[in-house]
Amino acid sequence: MSVTVFIRYQLDPFKRADFEEYARRWLAIIPKCGGDLVGYWMPHEGTNNIAFALISFENIAAYEIYRTRLRSEKEAMAAFGFAEEKKFILAEERTFLRQVTA
């Protein structure tokens, strides 16, 4: 069963540009480590401090392998470091979804 990780970010609304840069960094990292990046989304109107990401995996075991690969990937560690340094992500929640309909 494939799974999609739905990540909900609470952002500092004054640092949205930093989040956009962060999201762009992951475009190459996620596939390199085994994830299928569906995309990142940010507010266009309305709530200005919430963003989302969707990453799909063949199964939960593939997700665990991906997480292990991230910890040894230089660019991933740099992206995590960028987020910690700039402090634009205030909270992050993960939900694991399974597709019900196509």
N, C-alpha and C. Protein backbone atom coordinates (compact mmCIF):
# COMPACT_ATOMS: atom_id res chain seq x y z
N MET A 1 0.85 -1.19 0.00
CA MET A 1 0.00 0.00 0.00
C MET A 1 0.89 1.24 0.00
N SER A 2 0.70 2.13 -0.95
CA SER A 2 1.47 3.37 -0.97
C SER A 2 0.95 4.32 0.10
N VAL A 3 1.85 5.18 0.56
CA VAL A 3 1.49 6.18 1.56
C VAL A 3 1.99 7.54 1.08
N THR A 4 1.25 8.55 1.47
CA THR A 4 1.66 9.92 1.21
C THR A 4 1.77 10.63 2.54
N VAL A 5 2.92 11.26 2.75
CA VAL A 5 3.13 12.02 3.97
C VAL A 5 2.64 13.44 3.71
N PHE A 6 1.68 13.87 4.51
CA PHE A 6 1.14 15.22 4.45
C PHE A 6 1.80 16.00 5.58
N ILE A 7 2.58 17.01 5.23
CA ILE A 7 3.28 17.81 6.23
C ILE A 7 2.62 19.19 6.28
N ARG A 8 2.22 19.57 7.48
CA ARG A 8 1.63 20.89 7.71
C ARG A 8 2.65 21.70 8.49
N TYR A 9 3.02 22.84 7.93
CA TYR A 9 3.98 23.73 8.57
C TYR A 9 3.27 24.96 9.10
N GLN A 10 3.63 25.35 10.30
CA GLN A 10 3.22 26.67 10.80
C GLN A 10 4.45 27.55 10.64
N LEU A 11 4.29 28.65 9.91
CA LEU A 11 5.41 29.52 9.56
C LEU A 11 5.36 30.84 10.29
N ASP A 12 6.52 31.45 10.40
CA ASP A 12 6.59 32.85 10.78
C ASP A 12 6.13 33.60 9.53
N PRO A 13 5.01 34.33 9.58
CA PRO A 13 4.48 34.95 8.36
C PRO A 13 5.40 36.01 7.76
N PHE A 14 6.37 36.48 8.53
CA PHE A 14 7.30 37.47 8.01
C PHE A 14 8.54 36.84 7.38
N LYS A 15 8.58 35.49 7.37
CA LYS A 15 9.72 34.78 6.81
C LYS A 15 9.28 33.77 5.73
N ARG A 16 8.22 34.10 5.03
CA ARG A 16 7.71 33.18 4.00
C ARG A 16 8.71 32.99 2.86
N ALA A 17 9.47 34.01 2.54
CA ALA A 17 10.47 33.88 1.47
C ALA A 17 11.52 32.83 1.84
N ASP A 18 11.87 32.76 3.12
CA ASP A 18 12.81 31.74 3.56
C ASP A 18 12.23 30.35 3.37
N PHE A 19 10.93 30.19 3.64
CA PHE A 19 10.30 28.89 3.44
C PHE A 19 10.29 28.52 1.96
N GLU A 20 10.04 29.49 1.09
CA GLU A 20 10.06 29.20 -0.35
C GLU A 20 11.44 28.71 -0.78
N GLU A 21 12.49 29.32 -0.27
CA GLU A 21 13.84 28.87 -0.59
C GLU A 21 14.07 27.46 -0.05
N TYR A 22 13.61 27.21 1.15
CA TYR A 22 13.72 25.89 1.77
C TYR A 22 13.02 24.83 0.91
N ALA A 23 11.82 25.11 0.45
CA ALA A 23 11.06 24.17 -0.38
C ALA A 23 11.80 23.87 -1.68
N ARG A 24 12.37 24.90 -2.29
CA ARG A 24 13.11 24.70 -3.54
C ARG A 24 14.33 23.80 -3.33
N ARG A 25 14.96 23.89 -2.17
CA ARG A 25 16.12 23.04 -1.87
C ARG A 25 15.74 21.55 -1.91
N TRP A 26 14.52 21.24 -1.50
CA TRP A 26 14.08 19.85 -1.41
C TRP A 26 13.71 19.24 -2.75
N LEU A 27 13.59 20.04 -3.79
CA LEU A 27 13.20 19.52 -5.11
C LEU A 27 14.12 18.41 -5.61
N ALA A 28 15.40 18.52 -5.36
CA ALA A 28 16.36 17.50 -5.78
C ALA A 28 16.63 16.48 -4.67
N ILE A 29 16.60 16.93 -3.43
CA ILE A 29 16.95 16.06 -2.30
C ILE A 29 15.95 14.92 -2.13
N ILE A 30 14.67 15.24 -2.15
CA ILE A 30 13.64 14.22 -1.88
C ILE A 30 13.70 13.07 -2.88
N PRO A 31 13.72 13.33 -4.20
CA PRO A 31 13.83 12.20 -5.13
C PRO A 31 15.14 11.42 -4.98
N LYS A 32 16.22 12.14 -4.71
CA LYS A 32 17.52 11.50 -4.54
C LYS A 32 17.51 10.51 -3.37
N CYS A 33 16.72 10.81 -2.35
CA CYS A 33 16.65 9.96 -1.16
C CYS A 33 15.52 8.93 -1.21
N GLY A 34 14.72 8.94 -2.30
CA GLY A 34 13.72 7.90 -2.48
C GLY A 34 12.26 8.32 -2.34
N GLY A 35 12.00 9.61 -2.18
CA GLY A 35 10.62 10.08 -2.08
C GLY A 35 10.11 10.60 -3.41
N ASP A 36 8.81 10.60 -3.57
CA ASP A 36 8.16 11.15 -4.76
C ASP A 36 7.48 12.44 -4.33
N LEU A 37 8.14 13.56 -4.56
CA LEU A 37 7.62 14.85 -4.11
C LEU A 37 6.42 15.25 -4.96
N VAL A 38 5.26 15.34 -4.33
CA VAL A 38 4.06 15.82 -5.00
C VAL A 38 4.15 17.34 -5.09
N GLY A 39 4.62 17.99 -4.03
CA GLY A 39 4.83 19.43 -4.06
C GLY A 39 4.73 20.10 -2.72
N TYR A 40 5.06 21.38 -2.73
CA TYR A 40 4.94 22.27 -1.58
C TYR A 40 3.91 23.33 -1.93
N TRP A 41 3.12 23.76 -0.96
CA TRP A 41 2.11 24.79 -1.16
C TRP A 41 2.21 25.82 -0.06
N MET A 42 1.99 27.08 -0.47
CA MET A 42 1.98 28.20 0.47
C MET A 42 0.70 29.00 0.27
N PRO A 43 0.36 29.80 1.26
CA PRO A 43 -0.85 30.61 1.14
C PRO A 43 -0.75 31.60 -0.02
N HIS A 44 -1.86 31.73 -0.71
CA HIS A 44 -1.99 32.76 -1.74
C HIS A 44 -2.79 33.93 -1.16
N GLU A 45 -3.87 33.58 -0.49
CA GLU A 45 -4.71 34.55 0.22
C GLU A 45 -5.15 33.89 1.51
N GLY A 46 -5.71 34.67 2.40
CA GLY A 46 -6.22 34.11 3.65
C GLY A 46 -5.10 33.91 4.66
N THR A 47 -5.13 32.78 5.33
CA THR A 47 -4.14 32.47 6.36
C THR A 47 -2.73 32.62 5.79
N ASN A 48 -1.88 33.36 6.50
CA ASN A 48 -0.55 33.65 5.95
C ASN A 48 0.58 32.91 6.66
N ASN A 49 0.24 31.97 7.53
CA ASN A 49 1.30 31.31 8.30
C ASN A 49 1.26 29.78 8.22
N ILE A 50 0.58 29.23 7.22
CA ILE A 50 0.47 27.78 7.08
C ILE A 50 0.94 27.39 5.68
N ALA A 51 1.74 26.33 5.60
CA ALA A 51 2.19 25.79 4.32
C ALA A 51 2.08 24.27 4.40
N PHE A 52 2.12 23.63 3.24
CA PHE A 52 1.95 22.18 3.18
C PHE A 52 2.96 21.56 2.22
N ALA A 53 3.25 20.29 2.46
CA ALA A 53 4.04 19.49 1.52
C ALA A 53 3.43 18.09 1.46
N LEU A 54 3.52 17.48 0.30
CA LEU A 54 3.07 16.09 0.11
C LEU A 54 4.21 15.31 -0.54
N ILE A 55 4.55 14.18 0.09
CA ILE A 55 5.61 13.31 -0.42
C ILE A 55 5.08 11.89 -0.37
N SER A 56 5.13 11.19 -1.50
CA SER A 56 4.60 9.83 -1.56
C SER A 56 5.73 8.80 -1.54
N PHE A 57 5.36 7.61 -1.04
CA PHE A 57 6.30 6.48 -0.93
C PHE A 57 5.55 5.21 -1.27
N GLU A 58 6.30 4.23 -1.71
CA GLU A 58 5.72 2.94 -2.07
C GLU A 58 5.02 2.29 -0.88
N ASN A 59 5.60 2.45 0.30
CA ASN A 59 5.04 1.91 1.54
C ASN A 59 5.74 2.57 2.72
N ILE A 60 5.32 2.22 3.93
CA ILE A 60 5.90 2.85 5.11
C ILE A 60 7.36 2.46 5.29
N ALA A 61 7.73 1.26 4.87
CA ALA A 61 9.14 0.84 4.94
C ALA A 61 10.01 1.73 4.04
N ALA A 62 9.51 2.08 2.87
CA ALA A 62 10.24 2.97 1.96
C ALA A 62 10.42 4.34 2.61
N TYR A 63 9.41 4.80 3.35
CA TYR A 63 9.52 6.07 4.07
C TYR A 63 10.63 5.99 5.11
N GLU A 64 10.71 4.89 5.84
CA GLU A 64 11.75 4.74 6.86
C GLU A 64 13.15 4.73 6.23
N ILE A 65 13.30 4.08 5.08
CA ILE A 65 14.58 4.08 4.36
C ILE A 65 14.92 5.51 3.93
N TYR A 66 13.93 6.23 3.44
CA TYR A 66 14.10 7.63 3.04
C TYR A 66 14.61 8.47 4.21
N ARG A 67 13.99 8.31 5.37
CA ARG A 67 14.40 9.08 6.55
C ARG A 67 15.85 8.77 6.93
N THR A 68 16.25 7.52 6.81
CA THR A 68 17.64 7.15 7.10
C THR A 68 18.58 7.79 6.09
N ARG A 69 18.21 7.78 4.82
CA ARG A 69 19.05 8.39 3.78
C ARG A 69 19.21 9.90 4.00
N LEU A 70 18.13 10.55 4.44
CA LEU A 70 18.20 12.00 4.68
C LEU A 70 19.31 12.34 5.67
N ARG A 71 19.45 11.53 6.71
CA ARG A 71 20.43 11.82 7.75
C ARG A 71 21.88 11.71 7.27
N SER A 72 22.08 11.03 6.14
CA SER A 72 23.44 10.92 5.61
C SER A 72 23.65 11.76 4.35
N GLU A 73 22.64 12.49 3.96
CA GLU A 73 22.71 13.32 2.74
C GLU A 73 23.14 14.74 3.11
N LYS A 74 24.26 15.16 2.56
CA LYS A 74 24.84 16.47 2.88
C LYS A 74 23.86 17.62 2.62
N GLU A 75 23.19 17.59 1.45
CA GLU A 75 22.28 18.69 1.10
C GLU A 75 21.05 18.72 2.02
N ALA A 76 20.59 17.55 2.44
CA ALA A 76 19.45 17.49 3.36
C ALA A 76 19.83 18.10 4.71
N MET A 77 21.01 17.75 5.19
CA MET A 77 21.45 18.30 6.47
C MET A 77 21.63 19.82 6.36
N ALA A 78 22.10 20.29 5.22
CA ALA A 78 22.23 21.74 5.01
C ALA A 78 20.86 22.42 5.00
N ALA A 79 19.86 21.78 4.39
CA ALA A 79 18.51 22.35 4.37
C ALA A 79 17.92 22.39 5.78
N PHE A 80 18.11 21.32 6.55
CA PHE A 80 17.65 21.33 7.94
C PHE A 80 18.35 22.43 8.72
N GLY A 81 19.65 22.59 8.50
CA GLY A 81 20.43 23.64 9.17
C GLY A 81 19.94 25.02 8.81
N PHE A 82 19.60 25.23 7.54
CA PHE A 82 19.06 26.51 7.08
C PHE A 82 17.77 26.82 7.84
N ALA A 83 16.89 25.83 7.97
CA ALA A 83 15.61 26.04 8.68
C ALA A 83 15.86 26.38 10.15
N GLU A 84 16.79 25.70 10.77
CA GLU A 84 17.09 25.98 12.18
C GLU A 84 17.69 27.37 12.36
N GLU A 85 18.58 27.74 11.46
CA GLU A 85 19.24 29.04 11.54
C GLU A 85 18.25 30.18 11.35
N LYS A 86 17.39 30.06 10.34
CA LYS A 86 16.46 31.15 10.00
C LYS A 86 15.19 31.15 10.85
N LYS A 87 14.85 30.01 11.45
CA LYS A 87 13.71 29.89 12.36
C LYS A 87 12.37 30.33 11.74
N PHE A 88 12.15 29.95 10.49
CA PHE A 88 10.89 30.30 9.83
C PHE A 88 9.81 29.24 10.03
N ILE A 89 10.19 28.03 10.42
CA ILE A 89 9.21 26.99 10.72
C ILE A 89 8.99 26.98 12.24
N LEU A 90 7.77 27.31 12.65
CA LEU A 90 7.44 27.36 14.07
C LEU A 90 6.94 26.02 14.58
N ALA A 91 6.28 25.25 13.73
CA ALA A 91 5.78 23.93 14.09
C ALA A 91 5.61 23.12 12.81
N GLU A 92 5.70 21.79 12.98
CA GLU A 92 5.59 20.89 11.83
C GLU A 92 4.82 19.65 12.28
N GLU A 93 3.81 19.28 11.51
CA GLU A 93 3.00 18.09 11.82
C GLU A 93 3.02 17.16 10.62
N ARG A 94 3.10 15.86 10.88
CA ARG A 94 3.07 14.87 9.80
C ARG A 94 1.86 13.96 9.96
N THR A 95 1.17 13.73 8.85
CA THR A 95 0.07 12.77 8.81
C THR A 95 0.35 11.82 7.66
N PHE A 96 0.17 10.53 7.89
CA PHE A 96 0.40 9.53 6.86
C PHE A 96 -0.95 9.14 6.26
N LEU A 97 -1.07 9.36 4.95
CA LEU A 97 -2.32 9.15 4.25
C LEU A 97 -2.24 7.98 3.29
N ARG A 98 -3.36 7.31 3.10
CA ARG A 98 -3.47 6.30 2.05
C ARG A 98 -4.54 6.78 1.09
N GLN A 99 -4.34 6.52 -0.18
CA GLN A 99 -5.27 6.99 -1.19
C GLN A 99 -6.51 6.09 -1.19
N VAL A 100 -7.68 6.71 -1.20
CA VAL A 100 -8.94 5.99 -1.19
C VAL A 100 -9.54 5.95 -2.60
N THR A 101 -9.41 7.05 -3.33
CA THR A 101 -9.93 7.10 -4.70
C THR A 101 -8.86 7.72 -5.61
N ALA A 102 -9.01 7.47 -6.88
CA ALA A 102 -8.05 8.04 -7.85
C ALA A 102 -8.65 9.26 -8.51
